[in-house]
Amino acid sequence: MDELFGNIFDFNGDGRTDAIEMAIGFQIMEEAENGDQEEI
């Protein structure tokens, strides 16, 4: 689990990406992906 994003979403700086940080990472990625495909 720690290696999926390379600790890019390790917000508390403990060297590990916990479940909440991972969920935030997925949400950020999903929003970024959906932003490119916005419907008018």
C-alpha atoms as a PDB file:
ATOM      1  CA  MET A   1       0.000   0.000   0.000  1.00  0.00           C
ATOM      2  CA  ASP A   2       2.853   2.409   0.747  1.00  0.00           C
ATOM      3  CA  GLU A   3       4.375   2.042  -2.703  1.00  0.00           C
ATOM      4  CA  LEU A   4       1.271   2.678  -4.834  1.00  0.00           C
ATOM      5  CA  PHE A   5       1.795   6.442  -5.032  1.00  0.00           C
ATOM      6  CA  GLY A   6       5.410   6.484  -3.873  1.00  0.00           C
ATOM      7  CA  ASN A   7       4.351   8.286  -0.664  1.00  0.00           C
ATOM      8  CA  ILE A   8       3.297  11.348  -2.666  1.00  0.00           C
ATOM      9  CA  PHE A   9       0.159  11.551  -0.495  1.00  0.00           C
ATOM     10  CA  ASP A  10       1.957  11.104   2.841  1.00  0.00           C
ATOM     11  CA  PHE A  11       0.483  14.284   4.285  1.00  0.00           C
ATOM     12  CA  ASN A  12       1.539  13.750   7.898  1.00  0.00           C
ATOM     13  CA  GLY A  13       5.167  12.969   6.948  1.00  0.00           C
ATOM     14  CA  ASP A  14       5.433   9.687   8.835  1.00  0.00           C
ATOM     15  CA  GLY A  15       6.915   7.865   5.825  1.00  0.00           C
ATOM     16  CA  ARG A  16       3.795   5.753   5.277  1.00  0.00           C
ATOM     17  CA  THR A  17       0.610   6.318   3.325  1.00  0.00           C
ATOM     18  CA  ASP A  18      -2.277   5.251   5.557  1.00  0.00           C
ATOM     19  CA  ALA A  19      -5.813   4.410   4.423  1.00  0.00           C
ATOM     20  CA  ILE A  20      -7.137   7.962   4.764  1.00  0.00           C
ATOM     21  CA  GLU A  21      -4.215   9.444   2.828  1.00  0.00           C
ATOM     22  CA  MET A  22      -4.717   6.756   0.167  1.00  0.00           C
ATOM     23  CA  ALA A  23      -8.424   7.622  -0.109  1.00  0.00           C
ATOM     24  CA  ILE A  24      -7.559  11.312  -0.500  1.00  0.00           C
ATOM     25  CA  GLY A  25      -5.059  10.371  -3.208  1.00  0.00           C
ATOM     26  CA  PHE A  26      -7.654   8.368  -5.123  1.00  0.00           C
ATOM     27  CA  GLN A  27     -10.152  11.220  -4.809  1.00  0.00           C
ATOM     28  CA  ILE A  28      -7.626  13.758  -6.123  1.00  0.00           C
ATOM     29  CA  MET A  29      -6.765  11.515  -9.063  1.00  0.00           C
ATOM     30  CA  GLU A  30     -10.436  10.875  -9.858  1.00  0.00           C
ATOM     31  CA  GLU A  31     -11.270  14.582  -9.771  1.00  0.00           C
ATOM     32  CA  ALA A  32      -8.303  15.374 -12.010  1.00  0.00           C
ATOM     33  CA  GLU A  33      -9.356  12.682 -14.486  1.00  0.00           C
ATOM     34  CA  ASN A  34     -13.000  13.793 -14.514  1.00  0.00           C
ATOM     35  CA  GLY A  35     -11.990  17.428 -14.913  1.00  0.00           C
ATOM     36  CA  ASP A  36     -10.645  16.643 -18.366  1.00  0.00           C
ATOM     37  CA  GLN A  37     -13.958  15.090 -19.426  1.00  0.00           C
ATOM     38  CA  GLU A  38     -16.381  17.673 -18.071  1.00  0.00           C
ATOM     39  CA  GLU A  39     -19.739  17.760 -19.836  1.00  0.00           C
ATOM     40  CA  ILE A  40     -21.221  21.045 -20.999  1.00  0.00           C
END
